[in-house]
Amino acid sequence: MAGLNVSIAFFFLVVGVCQALRWLSKRLLSPGAYGCLARELAGSLQLCMSCLELRMLAEIGLWGGGFGPDVVLTLLFLVFAVHGASFDGASANPTISLQEFLLLESNLAATAAKLLAQAAGTGLGWAVTKLYWSWELTHLHLIQNLIASECSSSIHTSLHHAAFVEGTCSFVLHLVLLKLQQSHLMYQVPALAAIVTFLTYTAGPFTGAFFNPALATAATFYCSGSSFWDYVQVYWLGPLAGMFAALLLYQGNIPRLFQRNLFYSQKSKYKIPKTRVVAHGEGDEPCWKRKGEKSNSEPRA
């Protein structure tokens, strides 16, 4: 259990460092730069490092650490609950940022900045975690280093089925996010942590259950067994398709592309359109605003 204790300490350290990074950047940067760059970078860094360590525990700890899957799933729930409470509105997920763009909640420049920050944070998280593993603080990290060069693909089913699994996970996640977007954080955090834990438990044996293109790229794209295009179809196109499907089902349309509602009709032509309640942090503003455009910042799940 010593290896498990080291991993738990690592989780606390990662959250503490990323929280300090958020605190420092909020005071040094403008609200727009913080919201679109620093916040997403810190969130992606925290998510990537935590998930890579959890993935290591799930793969090696079951036979090398002497603890069962219930321990990993419990840690997964707690880690994502802490993420939800500490992310300060960051999504750390490219499909969520693209969803905001399609909902007219973010302009093109802001969305591009978030995607770049997520890529940088995930890449940095991968590099730092590899360095941490190289110190071999526990026998689990020693085993991880020995098998790192021989890692195999996380796709353990047919390509079409794997893409369907990742797409379905993304569909469920985005549907829950849309449903909970106006809920209090006290309800959002445990609900999303429970959904992520359930999806990981059910889909993990097939694809690893990433449903996050940036995280999947850092965790498994370099492993042998599948081609780059296979990974793109499963871990990029699958989640994007799931996001589109969830948005269409919930909204009935995609505001960025067309206004006509395909599924739902208004009961009365005099009905007041339903509007989103926007709750943003103090000082939040878009990264870049066009002339005459009002500031509008949205919460992330």
Protein backbone atom coordinates (compact mmCIF):
# COMPACT_ATOMS: atom_id res chain seq x y z
CA MET A 1 0.00 0.00 0.00
CA ALA A 2 3.05 2.28 0.16
CA GLY A 3 2.80 2.83 -3.60
CA LEU A 4 -0.83 3.88 -3.24
CA ASN A 5 0.08 6.39 -0.53
CA VAL A 6 2.72 7.95 -2.78
CA SER A 7 0.16 8.27 -5.58
CA ILE A 8 -2.35 9.93 -3.25
CA ALA A 9 0.36 12.39 -2.15
CA PHE A 10 1.08 13.03 -5.83
CA PHE A 11 -2.58 13.89 -6.44
CA PHE A 12 -2.54 16.40 -3.58
CA LEU A 13 0.70 17.92 -4.86
CA VAL A 14 -0.65 18.29 -8.40
CA VAL A 15 -3.83 20.00 -7.21
CA GLY A 16 -1.83 22.31 -4.93
CA VAL A 17 0.64 23.34 -7.65
CA CYS A 18 -2.10 23.94 -10.22
CA GLN A 19 -4.16 25.89 -7.69
CA ALA A 20 -1.13 28.07 -6.98
CA LEU A 21 -0.67 28.57 -10.72
CA ARG A 22 -4.29 29.69 -11.04
CA TRP A 23 -3.98 32.02 -8.07
CA LEU A 24 -0.78 33.59 -9.40
CA SER A 25 -1.93 33.96 -13.00
CA LYS A 26 -5.26 35.50 -11.90
CA ARG A 27 -3.30 38.28 -10.23
CA LEU A 28 -0.71 38.80 -12.94
CA LEU A 29 -2.81 38.43 -16.10
CA SER A 30 -5.83 40.23 -17.45
CA PRO A 31 -9.18 38.50 -16.86
CA GLY A 32 -9.42 37.58 -20.54
CA ALA A 33 -5.95 36.05 -20.73
CA TYR A 34 -6.55 34.18 -17.49
CA GLY A 35 -9.92 32.79 -18.61
CA CYS A 36 -8.82 31.56 -22.03
CA LEU A 37 -5.16 30.70 -21.49
CA ALA A 38 -3.90 30.28 -17.91
CA ARG A 39 -7.06 28.69 -16.52
CA GLU A 40 -7.31 26.14 -19.33
CA LEU A 41 -3.58 25.39 -19.19
CA ALA A 42 -3.69 24.79 -15.43
CA GLY A 43 -6.84 22.66 -15.71
CA SER A 44 -5.41 20.53 -18.53
CA LEU A 45 -2.12 20.10 -16.66
CA GLN A 46 -3.96 18.97 -13.52
CA LEU A 47 -6.28 16.64 -15.42
CA CYS A 48 -3.52 15.03 -17.50
CA MET A 49 -1.13 14.34 -14.61
CA SER A 50 -3.88 12.96 -12.38
CA CYS A 51 -5.36 10.74 -15.09
CA LEU A 52 -1.97 9.36 -16.16
CA GLU A 53 -1.23 8.36 -12.55
CA LEU A 54 -4.71 6.84 -12.21
CA ARG A 55 -4.21 4.95 -15.47
CA MET A 56 -0.93 3.58 -14.15
CA LEU A 57 -2.63 2.43 -10.94
CA ALA A 58 -5.44 0.79 -12.91
CA GLU A 59 -3.04 -1.12 -15.19
CA ILE A 60 -0.32 -2.09 -12.73
CA GLY A 61 -1.79 -1.72 -9.25
CA LEU A 62 -4.34 -4.49 -9.68
CA TRP A 63 -1.62 -7.13 -9.89
CA GLY A 64 1.48 -5.26 -8.69
CA GLY A 65 -0.04 -3.31 -5.83
CA GLY A 66 -2.46 -5.77 -4.31
CA PHE A 67 -5.56 -3.58 -4.42
CA GLY A 68 -8.75 -4.07 -6.41
CA PRO A 69 -10.62 -1.98 -8.99
CA ASP A 70 -12.84 -0.54 -6.27
CA VAL A 71 -9.84 1.43 -4.97
CA VAL A 72 -9.09 2.88 -8.42
CA LEU A 73 -12.74 3.78 -9.04
CA THR A 74 -13.02 5.45 -5.63
CA LEU A 75 -9.88 7.47 -6.36
CA LEU A 76 -11.27 8.35 -9.78
CA PHE A 77 -14.48 9.72 -8.26
CA LEU A 78 -12.61 11.72 -5.62
CA VAL A 79 -10.07 13.09 -8.10
CA PHE A 80 -12.78 14.30 -10.50
CA ALA A 81 -14.78 15.76 -7.63
CA VAL A 82 -11.71 17.78 -6.61
CA HIS A 83 -11.18 18.78 -10.26
CA GLY A 84 -14.73 20.00 -10.57
CA ALA A 85 -14.39 22.10 -7.44
CA SER A 86 -10.97 23.55 -8.27
CA PHE A 87 -11.01 24.09 -12.05
CA ASP A 88 -12.52 27.59 -11.65
CA GLY A 89 -14.62 27.24 -14.80
CA ALA A 90 -12.02 25.59 -17.06
CA SER A 91 -13.18 22.70 -19.23
CA ALA A 92 -9.78 21.08 -20.05
CA ASN A 93 -11.62 19.29 -22.86
CA PRO A 94 -11.55 20.38 -26.54
CA THR A 95 -15.06 19.07 -27.24
CA ILE A 96 -16.51 21.24 -24.46
CA SER A 97 -14.73 24.30 -25.85
CA LEU A 98 -16.07 23.52 -29.33
CA GLN A 99 -19.55 23.08 -27.86
CA GLU A 100 -19.33 26.57 -26.39
CA PHE A 101 -18.31 27.89 -29.81
CA LEU A 102 -21.28 26.18 -31.48
CA LEU A 103 -23.61 27.61 -28.83
CA LEU A 104 -22.34 31.15 -29.61
CA GLU A 105 -20.91 31.35 -26.10
CA SER A 106 -17.35 31.84 -27.35
CA ASN A 107 -15.90 33.44 -30.47
CA LEU A 108 -13.37 31.84 -32.81
CA ALA A 109 -10.30 33.54 -31.34
CA ALA A 110 -11.22 32.61 -27.77
CA THR A 111 -11.94 29.02 -28.77
CA ALA A 112 -8.62 28.72 -30.61
CA ALA A 113 -6.79 30.10 -27.57
CA LYS A 114 -8.48 27.57 -25.28
CA LEU A 115 -7.60 24.68 -27.59
CA LEU A 116 -3.96 25.77 -27.73
CA ALA A 117 -3.83 26.13 -23.94
CA GLN A 118 -5.38 22.67 -23.49
CA ALA A 119 -2.82 21.14 -25.88
CA ALA A 120 0.05 22.87 -24.07
CA GLY A 121 -1.22 21.88 -20.63
CA THR A 122 -1.74 18.27 -21.65
CA GLY A 123 1.69 18.05 -23.28
CA LEU A 124 3.35 19.58 -20.23
CA GLY A 125 1.42 17.23 -17.94
CA TRP A 126 2.62 14.21 -19.93
CA ALA A 127 6.26 15.36 -19.77
CA VAL A 128 6.19 16.15 -16.03
CA THR A 129 4.48 12.83 -15.20
CA LYS A 130 7.09 10.92 -17.21
CA LEU A 131 9.80 12.73 -15.24
CA TYR A 132 8.05 11.89 -11.97
CA TRP A 133 7.83 8.22 -12.95
CA SER A 134 11.55 8.18 -13.84
CA TRP A 135 12.39 8.85 -10.17
CA GLU A 136 10.93 5.40 -9.38
CA LEU A 137 9.64 6.35 -5.95
CA THR A 138 7.65 3.10 -5.76
CA HIS A 139 7.85 -0.34 -7.32
CA LEU A 140 4.77 0.56 -9.38
CA HIS A 141 6.70 3.37 -11.06
CA LEU A 142 9.62 1.02 -11.60
CA ILE A 143 7.33 -1.42 -13.43
CA GLN A 144 5.78 1.47 -15.37
CA ASN A 145 9.22 2.55 -16.60
CA LEU A 146 10.10 -0.99 -17.62
CA ILE A 147 6.97 -1.45 -19.74
CA ALA A 148 6.64 2.14 -20.98
CA SER A 149 8.47 1.49 -24.25
CA GLU A 150 6.27 -1.56 -24.91
CA CYS A 151 2.89 0.06 -24.28
CA SER A 152 0.06 -1.18 -26.46
CA SER A 153 -3.03 0.47 -27.85
CA SER A 154 -6.00 1.09 -25.54
CA ILE A 155 -8.35 -0.03 -28.32
CA HIS A 156 -9.40 -3.57 -27.40
CA THR A 157 -12.32 -3.97 -29.77
CA SER A 158 -13.14 -3.32 -33.43
CA LEU A 159 -12.45 0.16 -34.75
CA HIS A 160 -16.10 1.02 -35.39
CA HIS A 161 -17.18 -0.28 -32.02
CA ALA A 162 -14.40 1.67 -30.29
CA ALA A 163 -15.45 4.91 -32.04
CA PHE A 164 -19.06 4.20 -31.05
CA VAL A 165 -18.05 3.64 -27.41
CA GLU A 166 -16.08 6.90 -27.21
CA GLY A 167 -18.87 8.74 -29.02
CA THR A 168 -21.49 7.36 -26.64
CA CYS A 169 -19.45 8.37 -23.59
CA SER A 170 -19.04 11.86 -25.01
CA PHE A 171 -22.77 12.01 -25.81
CA VAL A 172 -23.73 11.13 -22.23
CA LEU A 173 -21.18 13.52 -20.72
CA HIS A 174 -22.26 16.48 -22.86
CA LEU A 175 -25.94 15.78 -22.31
CA VAL A 176 -25.36 15.85 -18.55
CA LEU A 177 -23.29 19.03 -18.87
CA LEU A 178 -26.06 20.75 -20.81
CA LYS A 179 -28.68 19.59 -18.33
CA LEU A 180 -26.66 20.77 -15.32
CA GLN A 181 -25.36 24.02 -16.81
CA GLN A 182 -27.59 26.18 -14.61
CA SER A 183 -27.33 24.01 -11.50
CA HIS A 184 -25.38 25.00 -8.43
CA LEU A 185 -21.77 23.81 -8.26
CA MET A 186 -22.67 21.74 -5.19
CA TYR A 187 -24.84 19.53 -7.42
CA GLN A 188 -22.71 19.69 -10.58
CA VAL A 189 -19.49 18.43 -9.04
CA PRO A 190 -20.65 15.08 -7.54
CA ALA A 191 -22.99 14.41 -10.49
CA LEU A 192 -20.23 14.85 -13.07
CA ALA A 193 -17.73 12.88 -10.96
CA ALA A 194 -20.25 10.02 -10.71
CA ILE A 195 -20.93 10.10 -14.46
CA VAL A 196 -17.22 10.04 -15.32
CA THR A 197 -16.65 7.15 -12.90
CA PHE A 198 -19.56 5.16 -14.33
CA LEU A 199 -18.48 5.75 -17.94
CA THR A 200 -14.90 4.79 -17.13
CA TYR A 201 -16.06 1.60 -15.44
CA THR A 202 -18.28 0.53 -18.35
CA ALA A 203 -16.20 1.70 -21.33
CA GLY A 204 -12.70 1.34 -19.92
CA PRO A 205 -12.16 -2.28 -21.04
CA PHE A 206 -12.91 -1.32 -24.67
CA THR A 207 -11.12 2.01 -25.25
CA GLY A 208 -9.73 3.24 -21.94
CA ALA A 209 -12.72 5.61 -21.71
CA PHE A 210 -11.01 8.94 -22.35
CA PHE A 211 -13.79 10.87 -24.18
CA ASN A 212 -11.37 13.79 -24.21
CA PRO A 213 -9.28 14.22 -27.39
CA ALA A 214 -6.42 16.07 -25.68
CA LEU A 215 -6.12 13.56 -22.84
CA ALA A 216 -6.31 10.57 -25.18
CA THR A 217 -3.58 12.06 -27.39
CA ALA A 218 -1.19 12.33 -24.45
CA ALA A 219 -2.07 8.95 -22.94
CA THR A 220 -2.21 6.50 -25.84
CA PHE A 221 -1.35 7.94 -29.28
CA TYR A 222 2.31 6.97 -28.96
CA CYS A 223 1.52 3.33 -28.16
CA SER A 224 1.83 0.62 -30.79
CA GLY A 225 -1.00 -1.57 -32.03
CA SER A 226 -3.11 1.01 -33.85
CA SER A 227 -2.33 3.54 -36.55
CA PHE A 228 -2.54 7.29 -36.11
CA TRP A 229 -5.70 7.39 -38.23
CA ASP A 230 -7.26 4.69 -36.04
CA TYR A 231 -6.60 6.83 -32.98
CA VAL A 232 -8.02 9.91 -34.73
CA GLN A 233 -11.25 8.10 -35.61
CA VAL A 234 -11.76 6.71 -32.12
CA TYR A 235 -10.49 9.48 -29.83
CA TRP A 236 -11.11 12.60 -31.91
CA LEU A 237 -13.97 11.96 -34.31
CA GLY A 238 -15.91 9.73 -31.90
CA PRO A 239 -16.15 12.32 -29.09
CA LEU A 240 -16.87 15.12 -31.57
CA ALA A 241 -19.76 13.12 -33.05
CA GLY A 242 -21.08 12.44 -29.54
CA MET A 243 -20.94 16.15 -28.71
CA PHE A 244 -22.83 17.08 -31.90
CA ALA A 245 -25.50 14.46 -31.17
CA ALA A 246 -25.96 15.66 -27.58
CA LEU A 247 -26.21 19.27 -28.72
CA LEU A 248 -28.79 18.46 -31.37
CA LEU A 249 -30.88 16.39 -28.99
CA TYR A 250 -30.81 19.01 -26.24
CA GLN A 251 -31.10 22.17 -28.35
CA GLY A 252 -32.83 20.89 -31.45
CA ASN A 253 -30.35 22.89 -33.52
CA ILE A 254 -26.77 24.16 -33.58
CA PRO A 255 -26.92 27.96 -33.20
CA ARG A 256 -23.55 28.59 -34.86
CA LEU A 257 -24.61 26.73 -38.00
CA PHE A 258 -28.37 27.27 -38.28
CA GLN A 259 -31.24 28.73 -36.26
CA ARG A 260 -34.09 26.49 -37.38
CA ASN A 261 -35.10 24.01 -34.70
CA LEU A 262 -35.16 20.53 -36.20
CA PHE A 263 -36.86 18.66 -33.34
CA TYR A 264 -38.83 21.04 -31.17
CA SER A 265 -41.42 23.66 -32.06
CA GLN A 266 -42.60 26.62 -30.02
CA LYS A 267 -46.03 26.16 -28.49
CA SER A 268 -46.91 29.77 -29.12
CA LYS A 269 -45.47 32.34 -31.45
CA TYR A 270 -45.60 34.79 -28.54
CA LYS A 271 -43.57 32.56 -26.25
CA ILE A 272 -40.52 34.28 -24.82
CA PRO A 273 -37.35 32.50 -25.96
CA LYS A 274 -35.57 30.60 -23.25
CA THR A 275 -32.31 32.26 -22.27
CA ARG A 276 -29.28 30.99 -20.43
CA VAL A 277 -28.49 32.30 -17.01
CA VAL A 278 -24.86 33.34 -17.12
CA ALA A 279 -22.93 33.12 -13.88
CA HIS A 280 -19.33 34.12 -14.24
CA GLY A 281 -16.46 34.70 -11.91
CA GLU A 282 -15.49 38.14 -10.81
CA GLY A 283 -13.59 39.97 -13.50
CA ASP A 284 -14.17 37.33 -16.20
CA GLU A 285 -14.35 38.55 -19.78
CA PRO A 286 -13.79 37.06 -23.24
CA CYS A 287 -10.23 36.78 -24.54
CA TRP A 288 -10.96 38.94 -27.54
CA LYS A 289 -14.06 40.98 -28.28
CA ARG A 290 -15.16 42.34 -31.63
CA LYS A 291 -16.02 46.00 -31.75
CA GLY A 292 -19.38 46.59 -30.10
CA GLU A 293 -19.57 43.04 -28.71
CA LYS A 294 -20.62 42.80 -25.09
CA SER A 295 -18.62 40.83 -22.61
CA ASN A 296 -20.12 37.38 -22.04
CA SER A 297 -18.43 34.64 -20.10
CA GLU A 298 -20.02 31.33 -19.26
CA PRO A 299 -19.55 28.70 -16.60
CA ARG A 300 -17.95 25.41 -17.38
CA ALA A 301 -19.19 22.15 -15.98
